[in-house]
C-alpha atoms as a PDB file:
ATOM      1  CA  UNK A   1      -0.009   0.005   0.021  1.00  0.00           C
ATOM      2  CA  UNK A   2       2.693   2.505   0.984  1.00  0.00           C
ATOM      3  CA  UNK A   3       4.678   1.729  -2.192  1.00  0.00           C
ATOM      4  CA  UNK A   4       1.607   1.745  -4.459  1.00  0.00           C
ATOM      5  CA  UNK A   5       2.028  -1.928  -5.270  1.00  0.00           C
ATOM      6  CA  UNK A   6      -1.467  -3.217  -4.664  1.00  0.00           C
ATOM      7  CA  UNK A   7      -1.730  -4.057  -8.348  1.00  0.00           C
ATOM      8  CA  UNK A   8       0.890  -6.795  -7.826  1.00  0.00           C
ATOM      9  CA  UNK A   9      -0.985  -9.467  -5.803  1.00  0.00           C
ATOM     10  CA  UNK A  10       1.335 -12.333  -6.650  1.00  0.00           C
ATOM     11  CA  UNK A  11       4.408 -10.329  -5.552  1.00  0.00           C
ATOM     12  CA  UNK A  12       2.574  -9.323  -2.381  1.00  0.00           C
ATOM     13  CA  UNK A  13       1.792 -12.965  -1.533  1.00  0.00           C
ATOM     14  CA  UNK A  14       5.403 -13.982  -2.171  1.00  0.00           C
ATOM     15  CA  UNK A  15       6.628 -11.180   0.142  1.00  0.00           C
ATOM     16  CA  UNK A  16       4.141 -12.366   2.801  1.00  0.00           C
ATOM     17  CA  UNK A  17       5.445 -15.978   2.598  1.00  0.00           C
ATOM     18  CA  UNK A  18       9.078 -14.873   2.932  1.00  0.00           C
ATOM     19  CA  UNK A  19       8.226 -12.685   5.973  1.00  0.00           C
ATOM     20  CA  UNK A  20       6.402 -15.546   7.668  1.00  0.00           C
ATOM     21  CA  UNK A  21       9.168 -18.076   7.038  1.00  0.00           C
ATOM     22  CA  UNK A  22      11.941 -15.674   8.099  1.00  0.00           C
ATOM     23  CA  UNK A  23      11.030 -15.975  11.769  1.00  0.00           C
ATOM     24  CA  UNK A  24      11.285 -12.216  12.240  1.00  0.00           C
ATOM     25  CA  UNK A  25       8.359 -11.130  14.438  1.00  0.00           C
ATOM     26  CA  UNK A  26       8.870  -7.367  14.411  1.00  0.00           C
ATOM     27  CA  UNK A  27      10.934  -4.830  12.481  1.00  0.00           C
ATOM     28  CA  UNK A  28      11.415  -1.074  12.899  1.00  0.00           C
ATOM     29  CA  UNK A  29      11.697   1.597  10.258  1.00  0.00           C
ATOM     30  CA  UNK A  30      12.771   5.225  10.423  1.00  0.00           C
ATOM     31  CA  UNK A  31      10.891   5.961   7.237  1.00  0.00           C
ATOM     32  CA  UNK A  32       7.213   7.019   7.677  1.00  0.00           C
ATOM     33  CA  UNK A  33       4.291   7.068   5.294  1.00  0.00           C
ATOM     34  CA  UNK A  34       4.289  10.844   5.386  1.00  0.00           C
ATOM     35  CA  UNK A  35       7.939  10.934   4.305  1.00  0.00           C
ATOM     36  CA  UNK A  36       7.291   8.565   1.446  1.00  0.00           C
ATOM     37  CA  UNK A  37       4.300  10.612   0.276  1.00  0.00           C
ATOM     38  CA  UNK A  38       6.441  13.805   0.376  1.00  0.00           C
ATOM     39  CA  UNK A  39       9.251  12.223  -1.637  1.00  0.00           C
ATOM     40  CA  UNK A  40       7.824  10.166  -4.499  1.00  0.00           C
ATOM     41  CA  UNK A  41      11.338   9.817  -5.956  1.00  0.00           C
ATOM     42  CA  UNK A  42      12.051   7.258  -3.217  1.00  0.00           C
ATOM     43  CA  UNK A  43       9.768   4.796  -4.917  1.00  0.00           C
ATOM     44  CA  UNK A  44      10.918   5.258  -8.517  1.00  0.00           C
ATOM     45  CA  UNK A  45      14.421   4.043  -9.199  1.00  0.00           C
ATOM     46  CA  UNK A  46      14.435   5.993 -12.475  1.00  0.00           C
ATOM     47  CA  UNK A  47      14.249   9.304 -10.571  1.00  0.00           C
ATOM     48  CA  UNK A  48      17.364  10.725  -8.875  1.00  0.00           C
ATOM     49  CA  UNK A  49      17.004  10.358  -5.104  1.00  0.00           C
ATOM     50  CA  UNK A  50      20.510   9.857  -3.762  1.00  0.00           C
ATOM     51  CA  UNK A  51      20.779  13.413  -2.400  1.00  0.00           C
ATOM     52  CA  UNK A  52      17.453  13.009  -0.580  1.00  0.00           C
ATOM     53  CA  UNK A  53      18.520   9.767   1.015  1.00  0.00           C
ATOM     54  CA  UNK A  54      21.914  11.003   2.078  1.00  0.00           C
ATOM     55  CA  UNK A  55      20.441  14.160   3.627  1.00  0.00           C
ATOM     56  CA  UNK A  56      17.959  12.086   5.653  1.00  0.00           C
ATOM     57  CA  UNK A  57      20.511   9.644   6.950  1.00  0.00           C
ATOM     58  CA  UNK A  58      23.256  12.153   7.715  1.00  0.00           C
ATOM     59  CA  UNK A  59      21.901  12.865  11.199  1.00  0.00           C
ATOM     60  CA  UNK A  60      19.577   9.914  11.696  1.00  0.00           C
ATOM     61  CA  UNK A  61      22.272   7.206  11.477  1.00  0.00           C
ATOM     62  CA  UNK A  62      24.623   8.591  14.128  1.00  0.00           C
ATOM     63  CA  UNK A  63      21.696   9.583  16.375  1.00  0.00           C
ATOM     64  CA  UNK A  64      20.361   6.015  16.215  1.00  0.00           C
ATOM     65  CA  UNK A  65      23.848   4.748  17.077  1.00  0.00           C
ATOM     66  CA  UNK A  66      23.982   7.256  19.977  1.00  0.00           C
ATOM     67  CA  UNK A  67      20.993   5.672  21.601  1.00  0.00           C
ATOM     68  CA  UNK A  68      22.608   2.203  21.562  1.00  0.00           C
ATOM     69  CA  UNK A  69      26.049   3.458  22.532  1.00  0.00           C
ATOM     70  CA  UNK A  70      24.756   5.486  25.476  1.00  0.00           C
ATOM     71  CA  UNK A  71      23.159   2.338  26.886  1.00  0.00           C
ATOM     72  CA  UNK A  72      26.322   0.309  26.377  1.00  0.00           C
ATOM     73  CA  UNK A  73      28.476   2.958  28.129  1.00  0.00           C
ATOM     74  CA  UNK A  74      26.004   3.127  31.039  1.00  0.00           C
ATOM     75  CA  UNK A  75      26.142  -0.648  31.451  1.00  0.00           C
ATOM     76  CA  UNK A  76      29.953  -0.530  31.222  1.00  0.00           C
ATOM     77  CA  UNK A  77      30.082   1.773  34.252  1.00  0.00           C
ATOM     78  CA  UNK A  78      32.777   4.257  33.269  1.00  0.00           C
ATOM     79  CA  UNK A  79      32.524   7.802  31.793  1.00  0.00           C
ATOM     80  CA  UNK A  80      32.337   8.142  28.004  1.00  0.00           C
ATOM     81  CA  UNK A  81      35.552  10.128  28.115  1.00  0.00           C
ATOM     82  CA  UNK A  82      37.399   6.921  29.065  1.00  0.00           C
ATOM     83  CA  UNK A  83      36.719   5.364  25.671  1.00  0.00           C
ATOM     84  CA  UNK A  84      40.002   5.199  23.790  1.00  0.00           C
ATOM     85  CA  UNK A  85      38.861   3.752  20.440  1.00  0.00           C
ATOM     86  CA  UNK A  86      35.681   3.908  18.341  1.00  0.00           C
ATOM     87  CA  UNK A  87      34.776   1.479  15.585  1.00  0.00           C
ATOM     88  CA  UNK A  88      31.628   2.399  13.644  1.00  0.00           C
ATOM     89  CA  UNK A  89      30.068   0.187  10.950  1.00  0.00           C
ATOM     90  CA  UNK A  90      27.320   1.233   8.587  1.00  0.00           C
ATOM     91  CA  UNK A  91      26.299   1.000   4.913  1.00  0.00           C
ATOM     92  CA  UNK A  92      23.691   3.725   5.423  1.00  0.00           C
ATOM     93  CA  UNK A  93      25.867   6.849   5.381  1.00  0.00           C
ATOM     94  CA  UNK A  94      27.746   8.097   2.330  1.00  0.00           C
ATOM     95  CA  UNK A  95      29.540  11.308   3.188  1.00  0.00           C
ATOM     96  CA  UNK A  96      32.600  12.828   4.904  1.00  0.00           C
ATOM     97  CA  UNK A  97      33.191  13.755   7.668  1.00  0.00           C
ATOM     98  CA  UNK A  98      31.705  10.358   8.320  1.00  0.00           C
ATOM     99  CA  UNK A  99      29.202   9.202  10.914  1.00  0.00           C
ATOM    100  CA  UNK A 100      31.873   8.148  13.446  1.00  0.00           C
ATOM    101  CA  UNK A 101      32.900  11.763  13.962  1.00  0.00           C
ATOM    102  CA  UNK A 102      29.320  12.821  14.520  1.00  0.00           C
ATOM    103  CA  UNK A 103      28.752   9.979  16.967  1.00  0.00           C
ATOM    104  CA  UNK A 104      31.921  10.856  18.918  1.00  0.00           C
ATOM    105  CA  UNK A 105      30.623  14.424  19.287  1.00  0.00           C
ATOM    106  CA  UNK A 106      27.136  13.278  20.382  1.00  0.00           C
ATOM    107  CA  UNK A 107      28.637  11.023  23.075  1.00  0.00           C
ATOM    108  CA  UNK A 108      31.204  13.534  24.279  1.00  0.00           C
ATOM    109  CA  UNK A 109      34.210  11.305  23.520  1.00  0.00           C
ATOM    110  CA  UNK A 110      37.665  12.826  23.848  1.00  0.00           C
ATOM    111  CA  UNK A 111      39.158  14.590  20.767  1.00  0.00           C
ATOM    112  CA  UNK A 112      42.028  12.059  20.957  1.00  0.00           C
ATOM    113  CA  UNK A 113      39.746   9.008  20.553  1.00  0.00           C
ATOM    114  CA  UNK A 114      41.053   6.743  17.773  1.00  0.00           C
ATOM    115  CA  UNK A 115      38.238   6.363  15.170  1.00  0.00           C
ATOM    116  CA  UNK A 116      37.777   3.701  12.520  1.00  0.00           C
ATOM    117  CA  UNK A 117      34.932   3.766  10.008  1.00  0.00           C
ATOM    118  CA  UNK A 118      33.705   0.620   8.204  1.00  0.00           C
ATOM    119  CA  UNK A 119      31.486   1.458   5.250  1.00  0.00           C
ATOM    120  CA  UNK A 120      29.445  -0.740   2.888  1.00  0.00           C
ATOM    121  CA  UNK A 121      30.392  -3.941   4.701  1.00  0.00           C
ATOM    122  CA  UNK A 122      26.835  -5.122   4.681  1.00  0.00           C
ATOM    123  CA  UNK A 123      25.748  -8.060   6.806  1.00  0.00           C
ATOM    124  CA  UNK A 124      29.227  -8.901   8.103  1.00  0.00           C
ATOM    125  CA  UNK A 125      29.989  -5.394   9.223  1.00  0.00           C
ATOM    126  CA  UNK A 126      29.109  -6.100  12.865  1.00  0.00           C
ATOM    127  CA  UNK A 127      31.267  -9.178  12.950  1.00  0.00           C
ATOM    128  CA  UNK A 128      34.233  -7.394  11.401  1.00  0.00           C
ATOM    129  CA  UNK A 129      33.853  -4.503  13.820  1.00  0.00           C
ATOM    130  CA  UNK A 130      34.009  -6.866  16.795  1.00  0.00           C
ATOM    131  CA  UNK A 131      37.083  -8.637  15.357  1.00  0.00           C
ATOM    132  CA  UNK A 132      38.811  -5.321  14.847  1.00  0.00           C
ATOM    133  CA  UNK A 133      37.891  -4.230  18.398  1.00  0.00           C
ATOM    134  CA  UNK A 134      39.424  -7.445  19.727  1.00  0.00           C
ATOM    135  CA  UNK A 135      42.713  -6.699  17.935  1.00  0.00           C
ATOM    136  CA  UNK A 136      42.788  -3.164  19.176  1.00  0.00           C
ATOM    137  CA  UNK A 137      42.063  -4.180  22.782  1.00  0.00           C
ATOM    138  CA  UNK A 138      44.759  -6.884  22.730  1.00  0.00           C
ATOM    139  CA  UNK A 139      47.460  -4.686  21.292  1.00  0.00           C
ATOM    140  CA  UNK A 140      46.848  -1.456  23.180  1.00  0.00           C
ATOM    141  CA  UNK A 141      47.114  -1.891  26.927  1.00  0.00           C
ATOM    142  CA  UNK A 142      44.270  -0.305  28.809  1.00  0.00           C
ATOM    143  CA  UNK A 143      42.257   0.315  25.630  1.00  0.00           C
ATOM    144  CA  UNK A 144      38.498   0.416  25.806  1.00  0.00           C
ATOM    145  CA  UNK A 145      36.901   0.124  22.381  1.00  0.00           C
ATOM    146  CA  UNK A 146      33.363   1.270  21.662  1.00  0.00           C
ATOM    147  CA  UNK A 147      31.845  -0.730  18.789  1.00  0.00           C
ATOM    148  CA  UNK A 148      28.747   0.772  17.215  1.00  0.00           C
ATOM    149  CA  UNK A 149      26.654  -0.402  14.250  1.00  0.00           C
ATOM    150  CA  UNK A 150      23.770   1.577  12.824  1.00  0.00           C
ATOM    151  CA  UNK A 151      21.735   0.811   9.706  1.00  0.00           C
ATOM    152  CA  UNK A 152      18.793   2.378   7.937  1.00  0.00           C
ATOM    153  CA  UNK A 153      17.178   0.762   4.917  1.00  0.00           C
ATOM    154  CA  UNK A 154      16.153   4.252   3.721  1.00  0.00           C
ATOM    155  CA  UNK A 155      19.279   4.331   1.516  1.00  0.00           C
ATOM    156  CA  UNK A 156      18.039   1.352  -0.504  1.00  0.00           C
ATOM    157  CA  UNK A 157      14.267   1.644  -0.002  1.00  0.00           C
ATOM    158  CA  UNK A 158      12.043   1.414  -3.041  1.00  0.00           C
ATOM    159  CA  UNK A 159       9.003  -0.187  -4.533  1.00  0.00           C
ATOM    160  CA  UNK A 160       9.374  -3.988  -4.336  1.00  0.00           C
ATOM    161  CA  UNK A 161      10.141  -6.041  -7.462  1.00  0.00           C
ATOM    162  CA  UNK A 162      11.394  -9.524  -8.180  1.00  0.00           C
ATOM    163  CA  UNK A 163      15.028  -8.550  -7.629  1.00  0.00           C
ATOM    164  CA  UNK A 164      14.885  -6.924  -4.169  1.00  0.00           C
ATOM    165  CA  UNK A 165      11.932  -8.605  -2.507  1.00  0.00           C
ATOM    166  CA  UNK A 166      14.122 -10.783  -0.197  1.00  0.00           C
ATOM    167  CA  UNK A 167      15.886  -7.668   1.150  1.00  0.00           C
ATOM    168  CA  UNK A 168      12.603  -5.947   1.796  1.00  0.00           C
ATOM    169  CA  UNK A 169      11.405  -8.986   3.734  1.00  0.00           C
ATOM    170  CA  UNK A 170      14.477  -9.434   5.900  1.00  0.00           C
ATOM    171  CA  UNK A 171      16.071  -6.013   6.646  1.00  0.00           C
ATOM    172  CA  UNK A 172      14.964  -3.250   8.983  1.00  0.00           C
ATOM    173  CA  UNK A 173      16.452  -0.284  10.828  1.00  0.00           C
ATOM    174  CA  UNK A 174      18.330  -0.539  14.085  1.00  0.00           C
ATOM    175  CA  UNK A 175      21.570  -0.064  16.006  1.00  0.00           C
ATOM    176  CA  UNK A 176      23.741  -1.917  18.495  1.00  0.00           C
ATOM    177  CA  UNK A 177      26.778  -1.145  20.581  1.00  0.00           C
ATOM    178  CA  UNK A 178      29.197  -2.748  23.040  1.00  0.00           C
ATOM    179  CA  UNK A 179      32.372  -1.793  24.924  1.00  0.00           C
ATOM    180  CA  UNK A 180      35.326  -4.137  24.433  1.00  0.00           C
ATOM    181  CA  UNK A 181      38.411  -4.280  26.604  1.00  0.00           C
ATOM    182  CA  UNK A 182      41.266  -6.478  27.868  1.00  0.00           C
ATOM    183  CA  UNK A 183      43.706  -6.519  30.727  1.00  0.00           C
ATOM    184  CA  UNK A 184      43.049  -5.456  34.340  1.00  0.00           C
ATOM    185  CA  UNK A 185      39.641  -4.107  35.318  1.00  0.00           C
ATOM    186  CA  UNK A 186      39.322  -0.347  35.770  1.00  0.00           C
ATOM    187  CA  UNK A 187      37.603   1.146  38.797  1.00  0.00           C
ATOM    188  CA  UNK A 188      33.849   1.127  38.295  1.00  0.00           C
ATOM    189  CA  UNK A 189      33.835  -1.362  35.413  1.00  0.00           C
ATOM    190  CA  UNK A 190      31.010  -3.837  35.672  1.00  0.00           C
ATOM    191  CA  UNK A 191      31.445  -7.534  35.163  1.00  0.00           C
ATOM    192  CA  UNK A 192      31.588  -8.362  31.426  1.00  0.00           C
ATOM    193  CA  UNK A 193      28.976 -10.531  29.817  1.00  0.00           C
ATOM    194  CA  UNK A 194      30.986 -12.162  27.031  1.00  0.00           C
ATOM    195  CA  UNK A 195      34.570 -13.115  26.293  1.00  0.00           C
ATOM    196  CA  UNK A 196      35.936 -13.163  22.775  1.00  0.00           C
ATOM    197  CA  UNK A 197      38.350 -16.063  22.506  1.00  0.00           C
ATOM    198  CA  UNK A 198      39.003 -16.022  18.792  1.00  0.00           C
ATOM    199  CA  UNK A 199      37.913 -14.128  15.671  1.00  0.00           C
ATOM    200  CA  UNK A 200      38.416 -15.231  12.088  1.00  0.00           C
ATOM    201  CA  UNK A 201      37.227 -14.227   8.639  1.00  0.00           C
ATOM    202  CA  UNK A 202      36.845 -16.544   5.637  1.00  0.00           C
ATOM    203  CA  UNK A 203      36.049 -15.645   2.057  1.00  0.00           C
ATOM    204  CA  UNK A 204      34.526 -18.295  -0.176  1.00  0.00           C
ATOM    205  CA  UNK A 205      36.458 -18.190  -3.481  1.00  0.00           C
ATOM    206  CA  UNK A 206      34.672 -17.116  -6.680  1.00  0.00           C
ATOM    207  CA  UNK A 207      31.586 -15.809  -4.932  1.00  0.00           C
ATOM    208  CA  UNK A 208      31.908 -12.108  -5.706  1.00  0.00           C
ATOM    209  CA  UNK A 209      28.714 -12.313  -7.748  1.00  0.00           C
ATOM    210  CA  UNK A 210      26.576 -13.641  -4.886  1.00  0.00           C
ATOM    211  CA  UNK A 211      26.230 -10.446  -2.819  1.00  0.00           C
ATOM    212  CA  UNK A 212      26.752  -6.825  -3.757  1.00  0.00           C
ATOM    213  CA  UNK A 213      25.860  -3.203  -3.236  1.00  0.00           C
ATOM    214  CA  UNK A 214      26.299  -0.280  -5.590  1.00  0.00           C
ATOM    215  CA  UNK A 215      25.719   3.431  -5.026  1.00  0.00           C
ATOM    216  CA  UNK A 216      23.715   4.945  -7.867  1.00  0.00           C
ATOM    217  CA  UNK A 217      21.568   7.996  -8.517  1.00  0.00           C
ATOM    218  CA  UNK A 218      18.532   6.157  -7.180  1.00  0.00           C
ATOM    219  CA  UNK A 219      20.179   5.144  -3.873  1.00  0.00           C
ATOM    220  CA  UNK A 220      22.039   1.978  -3.006  1.00  0.00           C
ATOM    221  CA  UNK A 221      21.192  -0.996  -5.155  1.00  0.00           C
ATOM    222  CA  UNK A 222      21.822  -4.378  -3.558  1.00  0.00           C
ATOM    223  CA  UNK A 223      21.382  -7.886  -4.809  1.00  0.00           C
ATOM    224  CA  UNK A 224      21.240 -11.308  -3.216  1.00  0.00           C
ATOM    225  CA  UNK A 225      21.873 -14.209  -5.591  1.00  0.00           C
ATOM    226  CA  UNK A 226      19.632 -17.232  -5.307  1.00  0.00           C
ATOM    227  CA  UNK A 227      22.691 -19.387  -4.633  1.00  0.00           C
ATOM    228  CA  UNK A 228      23.501 -17.664  -1.309  1.00  0.00           C
ATOM    229  CA  UNK A 229      21.733 -20.219   0.960  1.00  0.00           C
ATOM    230  CA  UNK A 230      23.435 -23.100  -0.866  1.00  0.00           C
ATOM    231  CA  UNK A 231      26.845 -21.441  -0.634  1.00  0.00           C
ATOM    232  CA  UNK A 232      26.428 -20.907   3.076  1.00  0.00           C
ATOM    233  CA  UNK A 233      25.237 -24.462   3.615  1.00  0.00           C
ATOM    234  CA  UNK A 234      28.137 -25.960   1.730  1.00  0.00           C
ATOM    235  CA  UNK A 235      30.796 -23.994   3.615  1.00  0.00           C
ATOM    236  CA  UNK A 236      29.549 -23.210   7.110  1.00  0.00           C
ATOM    237  CA  UNK A 237      30.610 -26.570   8.541  1.00  0.00           C
ATOM    238  CA  UNK A 238      34.292 -26.183   7.572  1.00  0.00           C
ATOM    239  CA  UNK A 239      34.294 -22.584   8.800  1.00  0.00           C
ATOM    240  CA  UNK A 240      32.994 -23.714  12.176  1.00  0.00           C
ATOM    241  CA  UNK A 241      35.508 -26.571  12.396  1.00  0.00           C
ATOM    242  CA  UNK A 242      38.393 -24.198  11.649  1.00  0.00           C
ATOM    243  CA  UNK A 243      37.110 -21.615  14.106  1.00  0.00           C
ATOM    244  CA  UNK A 244      36.663 -24.060  16.996  1.00  0.00           C
ATOM    245  CA  UNK A 245      39.971 -25.759  16.275  1.00  0.00           C
ATOM    246  CA  UNK A 246      41.734 -22.440  16.620  1.00  0.00           C
ATOM    247  CA  UNK A 247      39.788 -21.601  19.823  1.00  0.00           C
ATOM    248  CA  UNK A 248      40.589 -24.977  21.405  1.00  0.00           C
ATOM    249  CA  UNK A 249      44.310 -24.600  20.596  1.00  0.00           C
ATOM    250  CA  UNK A 250      44.352 -21.129  22.172  1.00  0.00           C
ATOM    251  CA  UNK A 251      42.552 -22.442  25.304  1.00  0.00           C
ATOM    252  CA  UNK A 252      45.075 -25.306  25.666  1.00  0.00           C
ATOM    253  CA  UNK A 253      47.998 -22.859  25.288  1.00  0.00           C
ATOM    254  CA  UNK A 254      46.576 -20.513  27.924  1.00  0.00           C
ATOM    255  CA  UNK A 255      45.922 -23.415  30.284  1.00  0.00           C
ATOM    256  CA  UNK A 256      49.601 -24.410  30.145  1.00  0.00           C
ATOM    257  CA  UNK A 257      50.817 -20.844  30.603  1.00  0.00           C
ATOM    258  CA  UNK A 258      48.500 -20.103  33.519  1.00  0.00           C
ATOM    259  CA  UNK A 259      49.328 -23.326  35.400  1.00  0.00           C
ATOM    260  CA  UNK A 260      51.490 -22.540  38.486  1.00  0.00           C
ATOM    261  CA  UNK A 261      55.030 -23.610  37.751  1.00  0.00           C
ATOM    262  CA  UNK A 262      56.945 -25.095  40.708  1.00  0.00           C
ATOM    263  CA  UNK A 263      60.065 -26.160  38.851  1.00  0.00           C
ATOM    264  CA  UNK A 264      60.386 -28.372  35.774  1.00  0.00           C
ATOM    265  CA  UNK A 265      57.834 -28.691  33.037  1.00  0.00           C
ATOM    266  CA  UNK A 266      54.165 -28.210  33.869  1.00  0.00           C
ATOM    267  CA  UNK A 267      52.187 -31.365  34.511  1.00  0.00           C
ATOM    268  CA  UNK A 268      50.089 -32.450  31.583  1.00  0.00           C
ATOM    269  CA  UNK A 269      46.724 -34.080  31.833  1.00  0.00           C
ATOM    270  CA  UNK A 270      48.120 -37.285  30.378  1.00  0.00           C
ATOM    271  CA  UNK A 271      50.775 -37.546  33.183  1.00  0.00           C
ATOM    272  CA  UNK A 272      48.750 -37.270  36.414  1.00  0.00           C
ATOM    273  CA  UNK A 273      51.487 -38.725  38.619  1.00  0.00           C
ATOM    274  CA  UNK A 274      54.457 -36.776  37.331  1.00  0.00           C
ATOM    275  CA  UNK A 275      55.036 -34.676  40.451  1.00  0.00           C
ATOM    276  CA  UNK A 276      54.726 -37.612  42.818  1.00  0.00           C
ATOM    277  CA  UNK A 277      57.119 -39.769  40.759  1.00  0.00           C
ATOM    278  CA  UNK A 278      59.694 -37.028  40.843  1.00  0.00           C
ATOM    279  CA  UNK A 279      59.557 -36.810  44.664  1.00  0.00           C
ATOM    280  CA  UNK A 280      59.680 -40.548  45.127  1.00  0.00           C
ATOM    281  CA  UNK A 281      62.734 -40.844  42.895  1.00  0.00           C
ATOM    282  CA  UNK A 282      64.923 -39.200  45.469  1.00  0.00           C
ATOM    283  CA  UNK A 283      64.844 -35.658  44.210  1.00  0.00           C
ATOM    284  CA  UNK A 284      64.329 -34.289  47.763  1.00  0.00           C
ATOM    285  CA  UNK A 285      66.147 -33.509  50.969  1.00  0.00           C
ATOM    286  CA  UNK A 286      66.875 -35.994  53.777  1.00  0.00           C
ATOM    287  CA  UNK A 287      63.731 -37.657  55.164  1.00  0.00           C
ATOM    288  CA  UNK A 288      62.213 -38.017  51.732  1.00  0.00           C
ATOM    289  CA  UNK A 289      60.699 -34.539  51.663  1.00  0.00           C
ATOM    290  CA  UNK A 290      60.866 -32.796  48.289  1.00  0.00           C
ATOM    291  CA  UNK A 291      63.356 -29.945  47.986  1.00  0.00           C
ATOM    292  CA  UNK A 292      62.108 -26.415  47.904  1.00  0.00           C
ATOM    293  CA  UNK A 293      61.729 -25.686  44.192  1.00  0.00           C
ATOM    294  CA  UNK A 294      63.224 -22.471  42.867  1.00  0.00           C
ATOM    295  CA  UNK A 295      60.692 -19.732  42.178  1.00  0.00           C
ATOM    296  CA  UNK A 296      59.986 -19.746  38.446  1.00  0.00           C
ATOM    297  CA  UNK A 297      58.509 -16.694  36.814  1.00  0.00           C
ATOM    298  CA  UNK A 298      55.410 -17.404  34.748  1.00  0.00           C
ATOM    299  CA  UNK A 299      55.834 -16.669  31.090  1.00  0.00           C
ATOM    300  CA  UNK A 300      54.108 -13.476  30.008  1.00  0.00           C
ATOM    301  CA  UNK A 301      50.808 -14.046  28.341  1.00  0.00           C
ATOM    302  CA  UNK A 302      50.705 -13.038  24.728  1.00  0.00           C
ATOM    303  CA  UNK A 303      47.162 -11.693  25.005  1.00  0.00           C
ATOM    304  CA  UNK A 304      44.947 -10.550  27.771  1.00  0.00           C
ATOM    305  CA  UNK A 305      41.422 -11.875  27.774  1.00  0.00           C
ATOM    306  CA  UNK A 306      39.159  -9.748  25.634  1.00  0.00           C
ATOM    307  CA  UNK A 307      35.826  -8.933  27.308  1.00  0.00           C
ATOM    308  CA  UNK A 308      32.640  -7.307  26.086  1.00  0.00           C
END
């Protein structure tokens, strides 16, 4: 009705089926019926509308991110000025200075905050932002990284057709934010909810055609190839195997490093009696008591735990 598509009943039924099978119960949109009525160019891809879309999202995208970021900072328990890094991901803003600078000003972050902007990353933007935050937190002692993602479908909104109907059924407007850190807790910091053990990224070869976005005079055109579910299904198992294998290896390495060392090699799970055998073999003082082992400094950990 809003897009004047009542004359396409078959397309409407198809959209309804996709929405019902998606499992998405509720979506939110910044765009209103009044705005659509005032800007008919948003419905017709043949009419230039990029300027209109960019003007609308210039303030709306960072303000939406501000709402999520303010909640994340409040739950973190420290002042916003203690944020050292900002990672902002969006495909909905196409201008410079970019939305990360606007968000930093809205939140009152320090002028020295280190900002990184991720643009047009699409669905994997949030995952890449978290991965980057993990790397920043691990390699900058005392760093506290604010990750913010904000998206508005206004930049690609239009009358539904056979090519973009899946996107219209799945995507909505929203924002999310989290504070990521590593190392010792700061005064006032609340207990973290999650720990990021490992982060990886895998590109399936020869799939550049499957997903894409392109900025044009009518906004951002995106396409989802029909092969996407098949490509995901054929590759997700190996991606998970590789990810968990790396996480398990890291956990085993940390377990060995963190084990208290009282001389000699750390006891392994496969050698439960190693310490006792060493004492019984005569490695102690008179009376059969084990000698006082020299104090051994624990190896420095390569990474502090990353918390969010």
